[in-house]
PDB file of all heavy atoms in Angstrom:
ATOM      1  N   GLY A   1    -149.598  37.955 146.800  1.00  0.00           N
ATOM      2  CA  GLY A   1    -149.269  36.615 147.275  1.00  0.00           C
ATOM      3  C   GLY A   1    -149.329  35.584 146.159  1.00  0.00           C
ATOM      4  O   GLY A   1    -148.470  34.715 146.058  1.00  0.00           O
ATOM      5  N   ALA A   2    -150.331  35.686 145.305  1.00  0.00           N
ATOM      6  CA  ALA A   2    -150.447  34.750 144.180  1.00  0.00           C
ATOM      7  C   ALA A   2    -149.289  34.938 143.211  1.00  0.00           C
ATOM      8  O   ALA A   2    -148.727  33.962 142.702  1.00  0.00           O
ATOM      9  CB  ALA A   2    -151.783  34.943 143.474  1.00  0.00           C
ATOM     10  N   ALA A   3    -148.910  36.196 142.946  1.00  0.00           N
ATOM     11  CA  ALA A   3    -147.789  36.455 142.033  1.00  0.00           C
ATOM     12  C   ALA A   3    -146.487  35.906 142.619  1.00  0.00           C
ATOM     13  O   ALA A   3    -145.687  35.295 141.907  1.00  0.00           O
ATOM     14  CB  ALA A   3    -147.668  37.952 141.776  1.00  0.00           C
ATOM     15  N   TRP A   4    -146.261  36.109 143.918  1.00  0.00           N
ATOM     16  CA  TRP A   4    -145.049  35.577 144.550  1.00  0.00           C
ATOM     17  C   TRP A   4    -145.036  34.055 144.490  1.00  0.00           C
ATOM     18  O   TRP A   4    -144.018  33.445 144.218  1.00  0.00           O
ATOM     19  CB  TRP A   4    -144.982  36.044 146.000  1.00  0.00           C
ATOM     20  CG  TRP A   4    -143.826  35.436 146.729  1.00  0.00           C
ATOM     21  CD1 TRP A   4    -142.526  35.817 146.668  1.00  0.00           C
ATOM     22  CD2 TRP A   4    -143.873  34.303 147.591  1.00  0.00           C
ATOM     23  NE1 TRP A   4    -141.757  35.006 147.453  1.00  0.00           N
ATOM     24  CE2 TRP A   4    -142.556  34.053 148.041  1.00  0.00           C
ATOM     25  CE3 TRP A   4    -144.894  33.478 148.042  1.00  0.00           C
ATOM     26  CZ2 TRP A   4    -142.247  33.020 148.900  1.00  0.00           C
ATOM     27  CZ3 TRP A   4    -144.572  32.453 148.899  1.00  0.00           C
ATOM     28  CH2 TRP A   4    -143.275  32.232 149.314  1.00  0.00           C
ATOM     29  N   PHE A   5    -146.194  33.440 144.730  1.00  0.00           N
ATOM     30  CA  PHE A   5    -146.288  31.982 144.711  1.00  0.00           C
ATOM     31  C   PHE A   5    -145.994  31.438 143.315  1.00  0.00           C
ATOM     32  O   PHE A   5    -145.282  30.459 143.159  1.00  0.00           O
ATOM     33  CB  PHE A   5    -147.675  31.542 145.173  1.00  0.00           C
ATOM     34  CG  PHE A   5    -147.848  30.051 145.240  1.00  0.00           C
ATOM     35  CD1 PHE A   5    -147.287  29.329 146.274  1.00  0.00           C
ATOM     36  CD2 PHE A   5    -148.563  29.377 144.270  1.00  0.00           C
ATOM     37  CE1 PHE A   5    -147.433  27.955 146.345  1.00  0.00           C
ATOM     38  CE2 PHE A   5    -148.723  28.007 144.328  1.00  0.00           C
ATOM     39  CZ  PHE A   5    -148.153  27.294 145.375  1.00  0.00           C
ATOM     40  N   MET A   6    -146.525  32.091 142.295  1.00  0.00           N
ATOM     41  CA  MET A   6    -146.352  31.601 140.922  1.00  0.00           C
ATOM     42  C   MET A   6    -144.955  31.895 140.373  1.00  0.00           C
ATOM     43  O   MET A   6    -144.351  31.041 139.741  1.00  0.00           O
ATOM     44  CB  MET A   6    -147.401  32.226 140.005  1.00  0.00           C
ATOM     45  CG  MET A   6    -148.824  31.836 140.363  1.00  0.00           C
ATOM     46  SD  MET A   6    -149.133  30.071 140.220  1.00  0.00           S
ATOM     47  CE  MET A   6    -149.097  29.897 138.461  1.00  0.00           C
ATOM     48  N   PHE A   7    -144.437  33.085 140.615  1.00  0.00           N
ATOM     49  CA  PHE A   7    -143.183  33.487 139.994  1.00  0.00           C
ATOM     50  C   PHE A   7    -141.988  33.349 140.933  1.00  0.00           C
ATOM     51  O   PHE A   7    -140.877  33.147 140.487  1.00  0.00           O
ATOM     52  CB  PHE A   7    -143.285  34.932 139.491  1.00  0.00           C
ATOM     53  CG  PHE A   7    -144.359  35.104 138.458  1.00  0.00           C
ATOM     54  CD1 PHE A   7    -145.503  35.823 138.749  1.00  0.00           C
ATOM     55  CD2 PHE A   7    -144.236  34.532 137.207  1.00  0.00           C
ATOM     56  CE1 PHE A   7    -146.498  35.976 137.812  1.00  0.00           C
ATOM     57  CE2 PHE A   7    -145.228  34.677 136.263  1.00  0.00           C
ATOM     58  CZ  PHE A   7    -146.364  35.396 136.557  1.00  0.00           C
ATOM     59  N   GLY A   8    -142.189  33.446 142.200  1.00  0.00           N
ATOM     60  CA  GLY A   8    -141.089  33.327 143.157  1.00  0.00           C
ATOM     61  C   GLY A   8    -140.570  31.917 143.282  1.00  0.00           C
ATOM     62  O   GLY A   8    -139.421  31.694 143.620  1.00  0.00           O
ATOM     63  N   ARG A   9    -141.394  30.944 143.008  1.00  0.00           N
ATOM     64  CA  ARG A   9    -140.979  29.547 143.106  1.00  0.00           C
ATOM     65  C   ARG A   9    -140.101  29.145 141.951  1.00  0.00           C
ATOM     66  O   ARG A   9    -139.437  28.136 141.990  1.00  0.00           O
ATOM     67  CB  ARG A   9    -142.207  28.638 143.153  1.00  0.00           C
ATOM     68  CG  ARG A   9    -142.967  28.788 144.438  1.00  0.00           C
ATOM     69  CD  ARG A   9    -144.217  27.982 144.434  1.00  0.00           C
ATOM     70  NE  ARG A   9    -143.967  26.620 143.990  1.00  0.00           N
ATOM     71  CZ  ARG A   9    -144.878  25.684 143.909  1.00  0.00           C
ATOM     72  NH1 ARG A   9    -146.108  25.961 144.251  1.00  0.00           N
ATOM     73  NH2 ARG A   9    -144.599  24.484 143.511  1.00  0.00           N
ATOM     74  N   GLY A  10    -140.071  29.913 140.872  1.00  0.00           N
ATOM     75  CA  GLY A  10    -139.284  29.566 139.694  1.00  0.00           C
ATOM     76  C   GLY A  10    -137.820  29.921 139.809  1.00  0.00           C
ATOM     77  O   GLY A  10    -137.064  29.718 138.885  1.00  0.00           O
ATOM     78  N   LYS A  11    -137.354  30.454 140.949  1.00  0.00           N
ATOM     79  CA  LYS A  11    -135.957  30.841 141.112  1.00  0.00           C
ATOM     80  C   LYS A  11    -135.029  29.649 140.983  1.00  0.00           C
ATOM     81  O   LYS A  11    -133.952  29.743 140.445  1.00  0.00           O
ATOM     82  CB  LYS A  11    -135.735  31.509 142.469  1.00  0.00           C
ATOM     83  CG  LYS A  11    -136.351  32.872 142.573  1.00  0.00           C
ATOM     84  CD  LYS A  11    -136.092  33.466 143.937  1.00  0.00           C
ATOM     85  CE  LYS A  11    -136.782  34.799 144.087  1.00  0.00           C
ATOM     86  NZ  LYS A  11    -136.647  35.350 145.421  1.00  0.00           N
ATOM     87  N   ASN A  12    -135.413  28.506 141.493  1.00  0.00           N
ATOM     88  CA  ASN A  12    -134.576  27.309 141.468  1.00  0.00           C
ATOM     89  C   ASN A  12    -134.906  26.406 140.284  1.00  0.00           C
ATOM     90  O   ASN A  12    -134.613  25.226 140.314  1.00  0.00           O
ATOM     91  CB  ASN A  12    -134.725  26.534 142.775  1.00  0.00           C
ATOM     92  CG  ASN A  12    -134.285  27.348 143.964  1.00  0.00           C
ATOM     93  OD1 ASN A  12    -133.427  28.210 143.824  1.00  0.00           O
ATOM     94  ND2 ASN A  12    -134.855  27.085 145.118  1.00  0.00           N
ATOM     95  N   ALA A  13    -135.501  26.961 139.251  1.00  0.00           N
ATOM     96  CA  ALA A  13    -135.910  26.136 138.112  1.00  0.00           C
ATOM     97  C   ALA A  13    -134.712  25.558 137.378  1.00  0.00           C
ATOM     98  O   ALA A  13    -134.797  24.511 136.759  1.00  0.00           O
ATOM     99  CB  ALA A  13    -136.778  26.953 137.154  1.00  0.00           C
ATOM    100  N   GLY A  14    -133.540  26.225 137.425  1.00  0.00           N
ATOM    101  CA  GLY A  14    -132.356  25.741 136.726  1.00  0.00           C
ATOM    102  C   GLY A  14    -131.679  24.582 137.415  1.00  0.00           C
ATOM    103  O   GLY A  14    -130.875  23.879 136.826  1.00  0.00           O
ATOM    104  N   GLU A  15    -131.957  24.348 138.668  1.00  0.00           N
ATOM    105  CA  GLU A  15    -131.322  23.262 139.402  1.00  0.00           C
ATOM    106  C   GLU A  15    -132.066  21.953 139.147  1.00  0.00           C
ATOM    107  O   GLU A  15    -133.266  21.880 139.256  1.00  0.00           O
ATOM    108  CB  GLU A  15    -131.331  23.571 140.898  1.00  0.00           C
ATOM    109  CG  GLU A  15    -130.540  24.804 141.263  1.00  0.00           C
ATOM    110  CD  GLU A  15    -130.635  25.129 142.739  1.00  0.00           C
ATOM    111  OE1 GLU A  15    -131.081  24.254 143.513  1.00  0.00           O
ATOM    112  OE2 GLU A  15    -130.286  26.249 143.102  1.00  0.00           O
ATOM    113  N   ASP A  16    -131.307  20.926 138.806  1.00  0.00           N
ATOM    114  CA  ASP A  16    -131.903  19.617 138.543  1.00  0.00           C
ATOM    115  C   ASP A  16    -132.073  18.859 139.846  1.00  0.00           C
ATOM    116  O   ASP A  16    -131.156  18.767 140.649  1.00  0.00           O
ATOM    117  CB  ASP A  16    -131.017  18.800 137.607  1.00  0.00           C
ATOM    118  CG  ASP A  16    -130.917  19.418 136.227  1.00  0.00           C
ATOM    119  OD1 ASP A  16    -131.868  20.111 135.834  1.00  0.00           O
ATOM    120  OD2 ASP A  16    -129.901  19.196 135.552  1.00  0.00           O
ATOM    121  N   LYS A  17    -133.254  18.319 140.044  1.00  0.00           N
ATOM    122  CA  LYS A  17    -133.473  17.456 141.196  1.00  0.00           C
ATOM    123  C   LYS A  17    -133.014  16.037 140.889  1.00  0.00           C
ATOM    124  O   LYS A  17    -132.578  15.323 141.751  1.00  0.00           O
ATOM    125  CB  LYS A  17    -134.946  17.459 141.587  1.00  0.00           C
ATOM    126  CG  LYS A  17    -135.401  18.777 142.139  1.00  0.00           C
ATOM    127  CD  LYS A  17    -136.823  18.702 142.607  1.00  0.00           C
ATOM    128  CE  LYS A  17    -137.259  20.030 143.181  1.00  0.00           C
ATOM    129  NZ  LYS A  17    -138.624  19.975 143.670  1.00  0.00           N
ATOM    130  N   TYR A  18    -133.134  15.636 139.650  1.00  0.00           N
ATOM    131  CA  TYR A  18    -132.722  14.313 139.208  1.00  0.00           C
ATOM    132  C   TYR A  18    -131.894  14.481 137.949  1.00  0.00           C
ATOM    133  O   TYR A  18    -132.035  15.434 137.210  1.00  0.00           O
ATOM    134  CB  TYR A  18    -133.938  13.432 138.892  1.00  0.00           C
ATOM    135  CG  TYR A  18    -134.880  13.296 140.050  1.00  0.00           C
ATOM    136  CD1 TYR A  18    -136.047  14.048 140.119  1.00  0.00           C
ATOM    137  CD2 TYR A  18    -134.598  12.425 141.084  1.00  0.00           C
ATOM    138  CE1 TYR A  18    -136.912  13.931 141.194  1.00  0.00           C
ATOM    139  CE2 TYR A  18    -135.460  12.302 142.161  1.00  0.00           C
ATOM    140  CZ  TYR A  18    -136.610  13.054 142.196  1.00  0.00           C
ATOM    141  OH  TYR A  18    -137.470  12.929 143.259  1.00  0.00           O
ATOM    142  N   ARG A  19    -131.033  13.528 137.702  1.00  0.00           N
ATOM    143  CA  ARG A  19    -130.272  13.552 136.462  1.00  0.00           C
ATOM    144  C   ARG A  19    -130.111  12.133 135.950  1.00  0.00           C
ATOM    145  O   ARG A  19    -130.148  11.174 136.725  1.00  0.00           O
ATOM    146  CB  ARG A  19    -128.919  14.220 136.652  1.00  0.00           C
ATOM    147  CG  ARG A  19    -127.991  13.464 137.548  1.00  0.00           C
ATOM    148  CD  ARG A  19    -126.674  14.165 137.666  1.00  0.00           C
ATOM    149  NE  ARG A  19    -125.792  13.342 138.481  1.00  0.00           N
ATOM    150  CZ  ARG A  19    -124.616  13.713 138.872  1.00  0.00           C
ATOM    151  NH1 ARG A  19    -124.170  14.891 138.536  1.00  0.00           N
ATOM    152  NH2 ARG A  19    -123.878  12.918 139.605  1.00  0.00           N
ATOM    153  N   SER A  20    -129.915  11.980 134.684  1.00  0.00           N
ATOM    154  CA  SER A  20    -129.736  10.674 134.048  1.00  0.00           C
ATOM    155  C   SER A  20    -128.294  10.540 133.602  1.00  0.00           C
ATOM    156  O   SER A  20    -127.679  11.496 133.156  1.00  0.00           O
ATOM    157  CB  SER A  20    -130.653  10.529 132.839  1.00  0.00           C
ATOM    158  OG  SER A  20    -131.997  10.612 133.234  1.00  0.00           O
ATOM    159  N   GLU A  21    -127.769   9.323 133.708  1.00  0.00           N
ATOM    160  CA  GLU A  21    -126.409   9.056 133.284  1.00  0.00           C
ATOM    161  C   GLU A  21    -126.370   7.691 132.624  1.00  0.00           C
ATOM    162  O   GLU A  21    -127.227   6.839 132.867  1.00  0.00           O
ATOM    163  CB  GLU A  21    -125.462   9.068 134.486  1.00  0.00           C
ATOM    164  CG  GLU A  21    -125.428  10.385 135.199  1.00  0.00           C
ATOM    165  CD  GLU A  21    -124.019  10.864 135.473  1.00  0.00           C
ATOM    166  OE1 GLU A  21    -123.081  10.173 135.061  1.00  0.00           O
ATOM    167  OE2 GLU A  21    -123.907  11.913 136.086  1.00  0.00           O
ATOM    168  N   ALA A  22    -125.361   7.495 131.799  1.00  0.00           N
ATOM    169  CA  ALA A  22    -125.183   6.204 131.144  1.00  0.00           C
ATOM    170  C   ALA A  22    -124.754   5.169 132.181  1.00  0.00           C
ATOM    171  O   ALA A  22    -124.062   5.492 133.149  1.00  0.00           O
ATOM    172  CB  ALA A  22    -124.137   6.309 130.051  1.00  0.00           C
ATOM    173  N   VAL A  23    -125.148   3.925 131.960  1.00  0.00           N
ATOM    174  CA  VAL A  23    -124.799   2.844 132.876  1.00  0.00           C
ATOM    175  C   VAL A  23    -123.330   2.502 132.677  1.00  0.00           C
ATOM    176  O   VAL A  23    -122.830   2.426 131.563  1.00  0.00           O
ATOM    177  CB  VAL A  23    -125.678   1.602 132.598  1.00  0.00           C
ATOM    178  CG1 VAL A  23    -125.265   0.443 133.480  1.00  0.00           C
ATOM    179  CG2 VAL A  23    -127.128   1.937 132.807  1.00  0.00           C
ATOM    180  N   GLY A  24    -122.613   2.319 133.777  1.00  0.00           N
ATOM    181  CA  GLY A  24    -121.203   1.959 133.693  1.00  0.00           C
ATOM    182  C   GLY A  24    -120.739   1.369 135.002  1.00  0.00           C
ATOM    183  O   GLY A  24    -121.444   1.380 136.008  1.00  0.00           O
ATOM    184  N   LYS A  25    -119.513   0.829 134.993  1.00  0.00           N
ATOM    185  CA  LYS A  25    -118.941   0.253 136.206  1.00  0.00           C
ATOM    186  C   LYS A  25    -118.207   1.344 136.968  1.00  0.00           C
ATOM    187  O   LYS A  25    -117.664   2.269 136.380  1.00  0.00           O
ATOM    188  CB  LYS A  25    -117.965  -0.863 135.861  1.00  0.00           C
ATOM    189  CG  LYS A  25    -118.635  -2.097 135.324  1.00  0.00           C
ATOM    190  CD  LYS A  25    -117.611  -3.188 135.105  1.00  0.00           C
ATOM    191  CE  LYS A  25    -118.291  -4.440 134.603  1.00  0.00           C
ATOM    192  NZ  LYS A  25    -117.330  -5.545 134.423  1.00  0.00           N
ATOM    193  N   GLY A  26    -118.191   1.198 138.279  1.00  0.00           N
ATOM    194  CA  GLY A  26    -117.480   2.159 139.111  1.00  0.00           C
ATOM    195  C   GLY A  26    -117.501   1.706 140.558  1.00  0.00           C
ATOM    196  O   GLY A  26    -118.124   0.708 140.907  1.00  0.00           O
ATOM    197  N   ASN A  27    -116.814   2.444 141.376  1.00  0.00           N
ATOM    198  CA  ASN A  27    -116.761   2.131 142.796  1.00  0.00           C
ATOM    199  C   ASN A  27    -117.899   2.819 143.516  1.00  0.00           C
ATOM    200  O   ASN A  27    -118.261   3.941 143.192  1.00  0.00           O
ATOM    201  CB  ASN A  27    -115.430   2.587 143.398  1.00  0.00           C
ATOM    202  CG  ASN A  27    -114.255   1.818 142.833  1.00  0.00           C
ATOM    203  OD1 ASN A  27    -114.405   0.666 142.454  1.00  0.00           O
ATOM    204  ND2 ASN A  27    -113.101   2.439 142.786  1.00  0.00           N
ATOM    205  N   VAL A  28    -118.443   2.136 144.491  1.00  0.00           N
ATOM    206  CA  VAL A  28    -119.462   2.716 145.349  1.00  0.00           C
ATOM    207  C   VAL A  28    -118.765   3.099 146.648  1.00  0.00           C
ATOM    208  O   VAL A  28    -118.144   2.261 147.287  1.00  0.00           O
ATOM    209  CB  VAL A  28    -120.608   1.722 145.621  1.00  0.00           C
ATOM    210  CG1 VAL A  28    -121.623   2.336 146.564  1.00  0.00           C
ATOM    211  CG2 VAL A  28    -121.263   1.314 144.320  1.00  0.00           C
TER     212      VAL A  28
END
């Protein structure tokens, strides 16, 4: 269980929850 908790949670490590972008004008 400890191994699954520590290593199984890393499957989605490549997906960004947040990202940064340069400020610019655009439509909302």
